[in-house]
Full PDB file with SEQRES, HELIX, SHEET, SSBOND, CRYST1, ORIGX, SCALE, CONECT and MASTER records, all heavy atoms in Angstrom:
SEQRES   1 A   36  VAL SER THR ILE ASP GLN VAL ARG ALA GLY ARG ARG LYS          
SEQRES   2 A   36  LEU VAL ASP GLU GLY LEU ALA GLN GLY GLY PRO ARG LEU          
SEQRES   3 A   36  ALA THR GLU LEU PHE LEU ARG SER VAL MET                      
HELIX    1 AA1 ILE A    4  VAL A   35  1                                  32    
CRYST1    1.000    1.000    1.000  90.00  90.00  90.00 P 1           1          
ORIGX1      1.000000  0.000000  0.000000        0.00000                         
ORIGX2      0.000000  1.000000  0.000000        0.00000                         
ORIGX3      0.000000  0.000000  1.000000        0.00000                         
SCALE1      1.000000  0.000000  0.000000        0.00000                         
SCALE2      0.000000  1.000000  0.000000        0.00000                         
SCALE3      0.000000  0.000000  1.000000        0.00000                         
ATOM      1  N   VAL A   1     115.431 323.557  93.902  1.00  0.00           N  
ATOM      2  CA  VAL A   1     114.634 322.417  94.370  1.00  0.00           C  
ATOM      3  C   VAL A   1     115.124 321.979  95.746  1.00  0.00           C  
ATOM      4  O   VAL A   1     116.255 321.496  95.895  1.00  0.00           O  
ATOM      5  CB  VAL A   1     114.721 321.238  93.370  1.00  0.00           C  
ATOM      6  CG1 VAL A   1     113.829 320.093  93.833  1.00  0.00           C  
ATOM      7  CG2 VAL A   1     114.330 321.703  91.966  1.00  0.00           C  
ATOM      8  N   SER A   2     114.282 322.124  96.747  1.00  0.00           N  
ATOM      9  CA  SER A   2     114.696 321.780  98.116  1.00  0.00           C  
ATOM     10  C   SER A   2     114.869 320.277  98.306  1.00  0.00           C  
ATOM     11  O   SER A   2     115.585 319.847  99.208  1.00  0.00           O  
ATOM     12  CB  SER A   2     113.662 322.316  99.116  1.00  0.00           C  
ATOM     13  OG  SER A   2     112.395 321.738  98.892  1.00  0.00           O  
ATOM     14  N   THR A   3     114.217 319.475  97.451  1.00  0.00           N  
ATOM     15  CA  THR A   3     114.292 318.010  97.568  1.00  0.00           C  
ATOM     16  C   THR A   3     115.090 317.402  96.424  1.00  0.00           C  
ATOM     17  O   THR A   3     114.799 316.290  95.984  1.00  0.00           O  
ATOM     18  CB  THR A   3     112.875 317.410  97.588  1.00  0.00           C  
ATOM     19  OG1 THR A   3     112.181 317.824  96.380  1.00  0.00           O  
ATOM     20  CG2 THR A   3     112.089 317.893  98.801  1.00  0.00           C  
ATOM     21  N   ILE A   4     116.109 318.118  95.951  1.00  0.00           N  
ATOM     22  CA  ILE A   4     116.792 317.688  94.731  1.00  0.00           C  
ATOM     23  C   ILE A   4     117.405 316.296  94.866  1.00  0.00           C  
ATOM     24  O   ILE A   4     117.357 315.497  93.918  1.00  0.00           O  
ATOM     25  CB  ILE A   4     117.870 318.712  94.308  1.00  0.00           C  
ATOM     26  CG1 ILE A   4     118.432 318.355  92.930  1.00  0.00           C  
ATOM     27  CG2 ILE A   4     118.953 318.851  95.349  1.00  0.00           C  
ATOM     28  CD1 ILE A   4     117.417 318.369  91.812  1.00  0.00           C  
ATOM     29  N   ASP A   5     117.939 315.932  96.008  1.00  0.00           N  
ATOM     30  CA  ASP A   5     118.529 314.596  96.162  1.00  0.00           C  
ATOM     31  C   ASP A   5     117.457 313.518  96.017  1.00  0.00           C  
ATOM     32  O   ASP A   5     117.692 312.474  95.387  1.00  0.00           O  
ATOM     33  CB  ASP A   5     119.222 314.464  97.519  1.00  0.00           C  
ATOM     34  CG  ASP A   5     120.492 315.299  97.602  1.00  0.00           C  
ATOM     35  OD1 ASP A   5     121.033 315.669  96.538  1.00  0.00           O  
ATOM     36  OD2 ASP A   5     120.943 315.586  98.734  1.00  0.00           O  
ATOM     37  N   GLN A   6     116.292 313.771  96.574  1.00  0.00           N  
ATOM     38  CA  GLN A   6     115.187 312.814  96.469  1.00  0.00           C  
ATOM     39  C   GLN A   6     114.701 312.711  95.024  1.00  0.00           C  
ATOM     40  O   GLN A   6     114.421 311.612  94.530  1.00  0.00           O  
ATOM     41  CB  GLN A   6     114.043 313.270  97.376  1.00  0.00           C  
ATOM     42  CG  GLN A   6     112.828 312.367  97.346  1.00  0.00           C  
ATOM     43  CD  GLN A   6     111.715 312.903  98.255  1.00  0.00           C  
ATOM     44  OE1 GLN A   6     111.966 313.662  99.186  1.00  0.00           O  
ATOM     45  NE2 GLN A   6     110.492 312.522  97.951  1.00  0.00           N  
ATOM     46  N   VAL A   7     114.604 313.843  94.353  1.00  0.00           N  
ATOM     47  CA  VAL A   7     114.171 313.851  92.954  1.00  0.00           C  
ATOM     48  C   VAL A   7     115.155 313.063  92.094  1.00  0.00           C  
ATOM     49  O   VAL A   7     114.762 312.225  91.275  1.00  0.00           O  
ATOM     50  CB  VAL A   7     114.027 315.302  92.443  1.00  0.00           C  
ATOM     51  CG1 VAL A   7     113.853 315.330  90.919  1.00  0.00           C  
ATOM     52  CG2 VAL A   7     112.858 316.000  93.126  1.00  0.00           C  
ATOM     53  N   ARG A   8     116.435 313.313  92.290  1.00  0.00           N  
ATOM     54  CA  ARG A   8     117.448 312.612  91.503  1.00  0.00           C  
ATOM     55  C   ARG A   8     117.435 311.114  91.772  1.00  0.00           C  
ATOM     56  O   ARG A   8     117.551 310.301  90.842  1.00  0.00           O  
ATOM     57  CB  ARG A   8     118.826 313.187  91.808  1.00  0.00           C  
ATOM     58  CG  ARG A   8     119.091 314.539  91.176  1.00  0.00           C  
ATOM     59  CD  ARG A   8     120.400 315.125  91.638  1.00  0.00           C  
ATOM     60  NE  ARG A   8     120.771 316.306  90.876  1.00  0.00           N  
ATOM     61  CZ  ARG A   8     121.711 317.161  91.247  1.00  0.00           C  
ATOM     62  NH1 ARG A   8     122.396 316.958  92.367  1.00  0.00           N  
ATOM     63  NH2 ARG A   8     121.993 318.206  90.500  1.00  0.00           N  
ATOM     64  N   ALA A   9     117.301 310.734  93.034  1.00  0.00           N  
ATOM     65  CA  ALA A   9     117.285 309.312  93.382  1.00  0.00           C  
ATOM     66  C   ALA A   9     116.074 308.615  92.764  1.00  0.00           C  
ATOM     67  O   ALA A   9     116.179 307.489  92.264  1.00  0.00           O  
ATOM     68  CB  ALA A   9     117.283 309.148  94.899  1.00  0.00           C  
ATOM     69  N   GLY A  10     114.928 309.289  92.786  1.00  0.00           N  
ATOM     70  CA  GLY A  10     113.730 308.698  92.196  1.00  0.00           C  
ATOM     71  C   GLY A  10     113.863 308.520  90.697  1.00  0.00           C  
ATOM     72  O   GLY A  10     113.454 307.487  90.142  1.00  0.00           O  
ATOM     73  N   ARG A  11     114.444 309.497  90.041  1.00  0.00           N  
ATOM     74  CA  ARG A  11     114.630 309.400  88.591  1.00  0.00           C  
ATOM     75  C   ARG A  11     115.615 308.292  88.255  1.00  0.00           C  
ATOM     76  O   ARG A  11     115.391 307.500  87.336  1.00  0.00           O  
ATOM     77  CB  ARG A  11     115.121 310.733  88.042  1.00  0.00           C  
ATOM     78  CG  ARG A  11     115.321 310.728  86.526  1.00  0.00           C  
ATOM     79  CD  ARG A  11     115.854 312.055  86.022  1.00  0.00           C  
ATOM     80  NE  ARG A  11     114.857 313.098  86.199  1.00  0.00           N  
ATOM     81  CZ  ARG A  11     115.002 314.123  87.027  1.00  0.00           C  
ATOM     82  NH1 ARG A  11     116.085 314.215  87.770  1.00  0.00           N  
ATOM     83  NH2 ARG A  11     114.079 315.042  87.122  1.00  0.00           N  
ATOM     84  N   ARG A  12     116.725 308.220  88.999  1.00  0.00           N  
ATOM     85  CA  ARG A  12     117.720 307.197  88.747  1.00  0.00           C  
ATOM     86  C   ARG A  12     117.126 305.794  88.938  1.00  0.00           C  
ATOM     87  O   ARG A  12     117.369 304.882  88.128  1.00  0.00           O  
ATOM     88  CB  ARG A  12     118.902 307.389  89.705  1.00  0.00           C  
ATOM     89  CG  ARG A  12     120.072 306.454  89.512  1.00  0.00           C  
ATOM     90  CD  ARG A  12     120.849 306.832  88.272  1.00  0.00           C  
ATOM     91  NE  ARG A  12     120.461 306.015  87.098  1.00  0.00           N  
ATOM     92  CZ  ARG A  12     120.781 306.318  85.864  1.00  0.00           C  
ATOM     93  NH1 ARG A  12     121.458 307.409  85.594  1.00  0.00           N  
ATOM     94  NH2 ARG A  12     120.417 305.536  84.860  1.00  0.00           N  
ATOM     95  N   LYS A  13     116.322 305.634  89.981  1.00  0.00           N  
ATOM     96  CA  LYS A  13     115.690 304.332  90.242  1.00  0.00           C  
ATOM     97  C   LYS A  13     114.755 303.952  89.105  1.00  0.00           C  
ATOM     98  O   LYS A  13     114.739 302.808  88.651  1.00  0.00           O  
ATOM     99  CB  LYS A  13     114.909 304.421  91.563  1.00  0.00           C  
ATOM    100  CG  LYS A  13     114.237 303.116  91.972  1.00  0.00           C  
ATOM    101  CD  LYS A  13     113.628 303.265  93.353  1.00  0.00           C  
ATOM    102  CE  LYS A  13     113.069 301.925  93.801  1.00  0.00           C  
ATOM    103  NZ  LYS A  13     111.655 301.876  93.919  1.00  0.00           N  
ATOM    104  N   LEU A  14     113.972 304.913  88.633  1.00  0.00           N  
ATOM    105  CA  LEU A  14     113.028 304.665  87.545  1.00  0.00           C  
ATOM    106  C   LEU A  14     113.763 304.235  86.287  1.00  0.00           C  
ATOM    107  O   LEU A  14     113.390 303.242  85.638  1.00  0.00           O  
ATOM    108  CB  LEU A  14     112.231 305.949  87.285  1.00  0.00           C  
ATOM    109  CG  LEU A  14     111.093 305.865  86.280  1.00  0.00           C  
ATOM    110  CD1 LEU A  14     109.906 305.134  86.901  1.00  0.00           C  
ATOM    111  CD2 LEU A  14     110.655 307.264  85.859  1.00  0.00           C  
ATOM    112  N   VAL A  15     114.811 304.958  85.922  1.00  0.00           N  
ATOM    113  CA  VAL A  15     115.564 304.629  84.713  1.00  0.00           C  
ATOM    114  C   VAL A  15     116.248 303.279  84.858  1.00  0.00           C  
ATOM    115  O   VAL A  15     116.226 302.456  83.936  1.00  0.00           O  
ATOM    116  CB  VAL A  15     116.583 305.742  84.394  1.00  0.00           C  
ATOM    117  CG1 VAL A  15     117.549 305.295  83.301  1.00  0.00           C  
ATOM    118  CG2 VAL A  15     115.869 307.019  83.974  1.00  0.00           C  
ATOM    119  N   ASP A  16     116.847 303.019  86.014  1.00  0.00           N  
ATOM    120  CA  ASP A  16     117.533 301.741  86.221  1.00  0.00           C  
ATOM    121  C   ASP A  16     116.563 300.577  86.123  1.00  0.00           C  
ATOM    122  O   ASP A  16     116.883 299.530  85.533  1.00  0.00           O  
ATOM    123  CB  ASP A  16     118.235 301.729  87.579  1.00  0.00           C  
ATOM    124  CG  ASP A  16     119.494 302.587  87.600  1.00  0.00           C  
ATOM    125  OD1 ASP A  16     119.943 303.014  86.517  1.00  0.00           O  
ATOM    126  OD2 ASP A  16     120.009 302.856  88.707  1.00  0.00           O  
ATOM    127  N   GLU A  17     115.371 300.740  86.688  1.00  0.00           N  
ATOM    128  CA  GLU A  17     114.370 299.669  86.619  1.00  0.00           C  
ATOM    129  C   GLU A  17     113.942 299.433  85.180  1.00  0.00           C  
ATOM    130  O   GLU A  17     113.783 298.284  84.736  1.00  0.00           O  
ATOM    131  CB  GLU A  17     113.165 300.024  87.489  1.00  0.00           C  
ATOM    132  CG  GLU A  17     113.434 299.911  88.983  1.00  0.00           C  
ATOM    133  CD  GLU A  17     112.245 300.366  89.822  1.00  0.00           C  
ATOM    134  OE1 GLU A  17     111.258 300.887  89.234  1.00  0.00           O  
ATOM    135  OE2 GLU A  17     112.298 300.190  91.053  1.00  0.00           O  
ATOM    136  N   GLY A  18     113.750 300.517  84.422  1.00  0.00           N  
ATOM    137  CA  GLY A  18     113.376 300.377  83.023  1.00  0.00           C  
ATOM    138  C   GLY A  18     114.452 299.692  82.207  1.00  0.00           C  
ATOM    139  O   GLY A  18     114.167 298.818  81.379  1.00  0.00           O  
ATOM    140  N   LEU A  19     115.709 300.058  82.439  1.00  0.00           N  
ATOM    141  CA  LEU A  19     116.808 299.421  81.723  1.00  0.00           C  
ATOM    142  C   LEU A  19     116.878 297.929  82.035  1.00  0.00           C  
ATOM    143  O   LEU A  19     117.108 297.102  81.147  1.00  0.00           O  
ATOM    144  CB  LEU A  19     118.132 300.099  82.096  1.00  0.00           C  
ATOM    145  CG  LEU A  19     118.345 301.513  81.555  1.00  0.00           C  
ATOM    146  CD1 LEU A  19     119.582 302.144  82.180  1.00  0.00           C  
ATOM    147  CD2 LEU A  19     118.473 301.511  80.030  1.00  0.00           C  
ATOM    148  N   ALA A  20     116.674 297.591  83.303  1.00  0.00           N  
ATOM    149  CA  ALA A  20     116.759 296.191  83.718  1.00  0.00           C  
ATOM    150  C   ALA A  20     115.613 295.364  83.150  1.00  0.00           C  
ATOM    151  O   ALA A  20     115.793 294.199  82.776  1.00  0.00           O  
ATOM    152  CB  ALA A  20     116.765 296.099  85.243  1.00  0.00           C  
ATOM    153  N   GLN A  21     114.434 295.969  83.054  1.00  0.00           N  
ATOM    154  CA  GLN A  21     113.251 295.212  82.642  1.00  0.00           C  
ATOM    155  C   GLN A  21     113.026 295.182  81.136  1.00  0.00           C  
ATOM    156  O   GLN A  21     112.459 294.232  80.608  1.00  0.00           O  
ATOM    157  CB  GLN A  21     112.007 295.810  83.308  1.00  0.00           C  
ATOM    158  CG  GLN A  21     111.993 295.663  84.814  1.00  0.00           C  
ATOM    159  CD  GLN A  21     110.853 296.439  85.457  1.00  0.00           C  
ATOM    160  OE1 GLN A  21     109.918 296.879  84.782  1.00  0.00           O  
ATOM    161  NE2 GLN A  21     110.938 296.619  86.770  1.00  0.00           N  
ATOM    162  N   GLY A  22     113.491 296.227  80.429  1.00  0.00           N  
ATOM    163  CA  GLY A  22     113.184 296.272  78.999  1.00  0.00           C  
ATOM    164  C   GLY A  22     114.154 297.061  78.154  1.00  0.00           C  
ATOM    165  O   GLY A  22     113.887 297.303  76.972  1.00  0.00           O  
ATOM    166  N   GLY A  23     115.257 297.487  78.715  1.00  0.00           N  
ATOM    167  CA  GLY A  23     116.243 298.208  77.934  1.00  0.00           C  
ATOM    168  C   GLY A  23     115.928 299.696  77.800  1.00  0.00           C  
ATOM    169  O   GLY A  23     115.014 300.218  78.439  1.00  0.00           O  
ATOM    170  N   PRO A  24     116.673 300.387  76.941  1.00  0.00           N  
ATOM    171  CA  PRO A  24     116.550 301.841  76.841  1.00  0.00           C  
ATOM    172  C   PRO A  24     115.162 302.340  76.462  1.00  0.00           C  
ATOM    173  O   PRO A  24     114.723 303.382  76.952  1.00  0.00           O  
ATOM    174  CB  PRO A  24     117.578 302.206  75.762  1.00  0.00           C  
ATOM    175  CG  PRO A  24     118.597 301.120  75.836  1.00  0.00           C  
ATOM    176  CD  PRO A  24     117.822 299.885  76.163  1.00  0.00           C  
ATOM    177  N   ARG A  25     114.448 301.615  75.594  1.00  0.00           N  
ATOM    178  CA  ARG A  25     113.122 302.091  75.184  1.00  0.00           C  
ATOM    179  C   ARG A  25     112.153 302.087  76.364  1.00  0.00           C  
ATOM    180  O   ARG A  25     111.387 303.048  76.558  1.00  0.00           O  
ATOM    181  CB  ARG A  25     112.564 301.259  74.034  1.00  0.00           C  
ATOM    182  CG  ARG A  25     113.196 301.583  72.691  1.00  0.00           C  
ATOM    183  CD  ARG A  25     112.627 300.714  71.586  1.00  0.00           C  
ATOM    184  NE  ARG A  25     111.235 301.024  71.284  1.00  0.00           N  
ATOM    185  CZ  ARG A  25     110.854 301.901  70.334  1.00  0.00           C  
ATOM    186  NH1 ARG A  25     111.759 302.558  69.629  1.00  0.00           N  
ATOM    187  NH2 ARG A  25     109.580 302.107  70.094  1.00  0.00           N  
ATOM    188  N   LEU A  26     112.165 301.024  77.169  1.00  0.00           N  
ATOM    189  CA  LEU A  26     111.270 300.995  78.322  1.00  0.00           C  
ATOM    190  C   LEU A  26     111.689 302.035  79.346  1.00  0.00           C  
ATOM    191  O   LEU A  26     110.850 302.715  79.939  1.00  0.00           O  
ATOM    192  CB  LEU A  26     111.252 299.610  78.963  1.00  0.00           C  
ATOM    193  CG  LEU A  26     110.356 299.506  80.215  1.00  0.00           C  
ATOM    194  CD1 LEU A  26     108.900 299.846  79.886  1.00  0.00           C  
ATOM    195  CD2 LEU A  26     110.443 298.107  80.834  1.00  0.00           C  
ATOM    196  N   ALA A  27     112.992 302.183  79.550  1.00  0.00           N  
ATOM    197  CA  ALA A  27     113.458 303.204  80.489  1.00  0.00           C  
ATOM    198  C   ALA A  27     113.001 304.584  80.046  1.00  0.00           C  
ATOM    199  O   ALA A  27     112.585 305.413  80.868  1.00  0.00           O  
ATOM    200  CB  ALA A  27     114.983 303.153  80.600  1.00  0.00           C  
ATOM    201  N   THR A  28     113.059 304.845  78.752  1.00  0.00           N  
ATOM    202  CA  THR A  28     112.612 306.134  78.230  1.00  0.00           C  
ATOM    203  C   THR A  28     111.109 306.296  78.377  1.00  0.00           C  
ATOM    204  O   THR A  28     110.622 307.377  78.740  1.00  0.00           O  
ATOM    205  CB  THR A  28     113.030 306.282  76.752  1.00  0.00           C  
ATOM    206  OG1 THR A  28     114.457 306.246  76.684  1.00  0.00           O  
ATOM    207  CG2 THR A  28     112.520 307.574  76.156  1.00  0.00           C  
ATOM    208  N   GLU A  29     110.366 305.225  78.122  1.00  0.00           N  
ATOM    209  CA  GLU A  29     108.909 305.305  78.321  1.00  0.00           C  
ATOM    210  C   GLU A  29     108.570 305.632  79.772  1.00  0.00           C  
ATOM    211  O   GLU A  29     107.731 306.513  80.040  1.00  0.00           O  
ATOM    212  CB  GLU A  29     108.229 303.999  77.917  1.00  0.00           C  
ATOM    213  CG  GLU A  29     106.716 304.053  78.172  1.00  0.00           C  
ATOM    214  CD  GLU A  29     105.986 302.785  77.798  1.00  0.00           C  
ATOM    215  OE1 GLU A  29     106.518 301.995  76.984  1.00  0.00           O  
ATOM    216  OE2 GLU A  29     104.870 302.578  78.320  1.00  0.00           O  
ATOM    217  N   LEU A  30     109.208 304.957  80.703  1.00  0.00           N  
ATOM    218  CA  LEU A  30     108.919 305.215  82.114  1.00  0.00           C  
ATOM    219  C   LEU A  30     109.306 306.638  82.494  1.00  0.00           C  
ATOM    220  O   LEU A  30     108.589 307.315  83.246  1.00  0.00           O  
ATOM    221  CB  LEU A  30     109.658 304.205  82.987  1.00  0.00           C  
ATOM    222  CG  LEU A  30     109.229 302.742  82.847  1.00  0.00           C  
ATOM    223  CD1 LEU A  30     110.079 301.849  83.747  1.00  0.00           C  
ATOM    224  CD2 LEU A  30     107.748 302.565  83.156  1.00  0.00           C  
ATOM    225  N   PHE A  31     110.444 307.098  81.971  1.00  0.00           N  
ATOM    226  CA  PHE A  31     110.865 308.470  82.241  1.00  0.00           C  
ATOM    227  C   PHE A  31     109.851 309.465  81.682  1.00  0.00           C  
ATOM    228  O   PHE A  31     109.433 310.403  82.371  1.00  0.00           O  
ATOM    229  CB  PHE A  31     112.245 308.712  81.631  1.00  0.00           C  
ATOM    230  CG  PHE A  31     112.703 310.139  81.727  1.00  0.00           C  
ATOM    231  CD1 PHE A  31     113.245 310.632  82.903  1.00  0.00           C  
ATOM    232  CD2 PHE A  31     112.576 310.997  80.645  1.00  0.00           C  
ATOM    233  CE1 PHE A  31     113.653 311.962  83.002  1.00  0.00           C  
ATOM    234  CE2 PHE A  31     112.992 312.319  80.724  1.00  0.00           C  
ATOM    235  CZ  PHE A  31     113.526 312.802  81.909  1.00  0.00           C  
ATOM    236  N   LEU A  32     109.435 309.270  80.429  1.00  0.00           N  
ATOM    237  CA  LEU A  32     108.482 310.194  79.812  1.00  0.00           C  
ATOM    238  C   LEU A  32     107.142 310.172  80.533  1.00  0.00           C  
ATOM    239  O   LEU A  32     106.514 311.224  80.728  1.00  0.00           O  
ATOM    240  CB  LEU A  32     108.298 309.850  78.333  1.00  0.00           C  
ATOM    241  CG  LEU A  32     109.511 310.110  77.437  1.00  0.00           C  
ATOM    242  CD1 LEU A  32     109.249 309.605  76.028  1.00  0.00           C  
ATOM    243  CD2 LEU A  32     109.872 311.585  77.416  1.00  0.00           C  
ATOM    244  N   ARG A  33     106.685 308.994  80.938  1.00  0.00           N  
ATOM    245  CA  ARG A  33     105.433 308.924  81.693  1.00  0.00           C  
ATOM    246  C   ARG A  33     105.546 309.692  83.012  1.00  0.00           C  
ATOM    247  O   ARG A  33     104.595 310.370  83.432  1.00  0.00           O  
ATOM    248  CB  ARG A  33     105.060 307.470  81.973  1.00  0.00           C  
ATOM    249  CG  ARG A  33     104.496 306.719  80.780  1.00  0.00           C  
ATOM    250  CD  ARG A  33     104.111 305.312  81.163  1.00  0.00           C  
ATOM    251  NE  ARG A  33     103.550 304.544  80.064  1.00  0.00           N  
ATOM    252  CZ  ARG A  33     102.265 304.572  79.682  1.00  0.00           C  
ATOM    253  NH1 ARG A  33     101.408 305.338  80.350  1.00  0.00           N  
ATOM    254  NH2 ARG A  33     101.848 303.850  78.665  1.00  0.00           N  
ATOM    255  N   SER A  34     106.689 309.609  83.642  1.00  0.00           N  
ATOM    256  CA  SER A  34     106.863 310.301  84.923  1.00  0.00           C  
ATOM    257  C   SER A  34     106.889 311.817  84.728  1.00  0.00           C  
ATOM    258  O   SER A  34     106.445 312.574  85.603  1.00  0.00           O  
ATOM    259  CB  SER A  34     108.158 309.849  85.614  1.00  0.00           C  
ATOM    260  OG  SER A  34     109.304 310.382  84.978  1.00  0.00           O  
ATOM    261  N   VAL A  35     107.386 312.269  83.590  1.00  0.00           N  
ATOM    262  CA  VAL A  35     107.462 313.698  83.316  1.00  0.00           C  
ATOM    263  C   VAL A  35     106.148 314.233  82.770  1.00  0.00           C  
ATOM    264  O   VAL A  35     105.658 315.281  83.199  1.00  0.00           O  
ATOM    265  CB  VAL A  35     108.612 313.987  82.315  1.00  0.00           C  
ATOM    266  CG1 VAL A  35     108.611 315.452  81.911  1.00  0.00           C  
ATOM    267  CG2 VAL A  35     109.952 313.621  82.925  1.00  0.00           C  
ATOM    268  N   MET A  36     105.567 313.504  81.817  1.00  0.00           N  
ATOM    269  CA  MET A  36     104.350 313.964  81.156  1.00  0.00           C  
ATOM    270  C   MET A  36     103.088 313.698  81.966  1.00  0.00           C  
ATOM    271  O   MET A  36     102.130 314.461  81.898  1.00  0.00           O  
ATOM    272  CB  MET A  36     104.175 313.236  79.811  1.00  0.00           C  
ATOM    273  CG  MET A  36     105.213 313.490  78.784  1.00  0.00           C  
ATOM    274  SD  MET A  36     104.815 312.528  77.283  1.00  0.00           S  
ATOM    275  CE  MET A  36     106.198 312.963  76.239  1.00  0.00           C  
TER     276      MET A  36                                                      
MASTER        0    0    0    1    0    0    0    6  275    1    0    3          
END                                                                             
């Protein structure tokens, strides 16, 4: 992946936002939505 740092940063931001707003379940939902 030529943009691996960008991909990792985007994923980390998404998970952190989910954890802050709704805990692990929301973070997982946001992660799954981004993947699926």
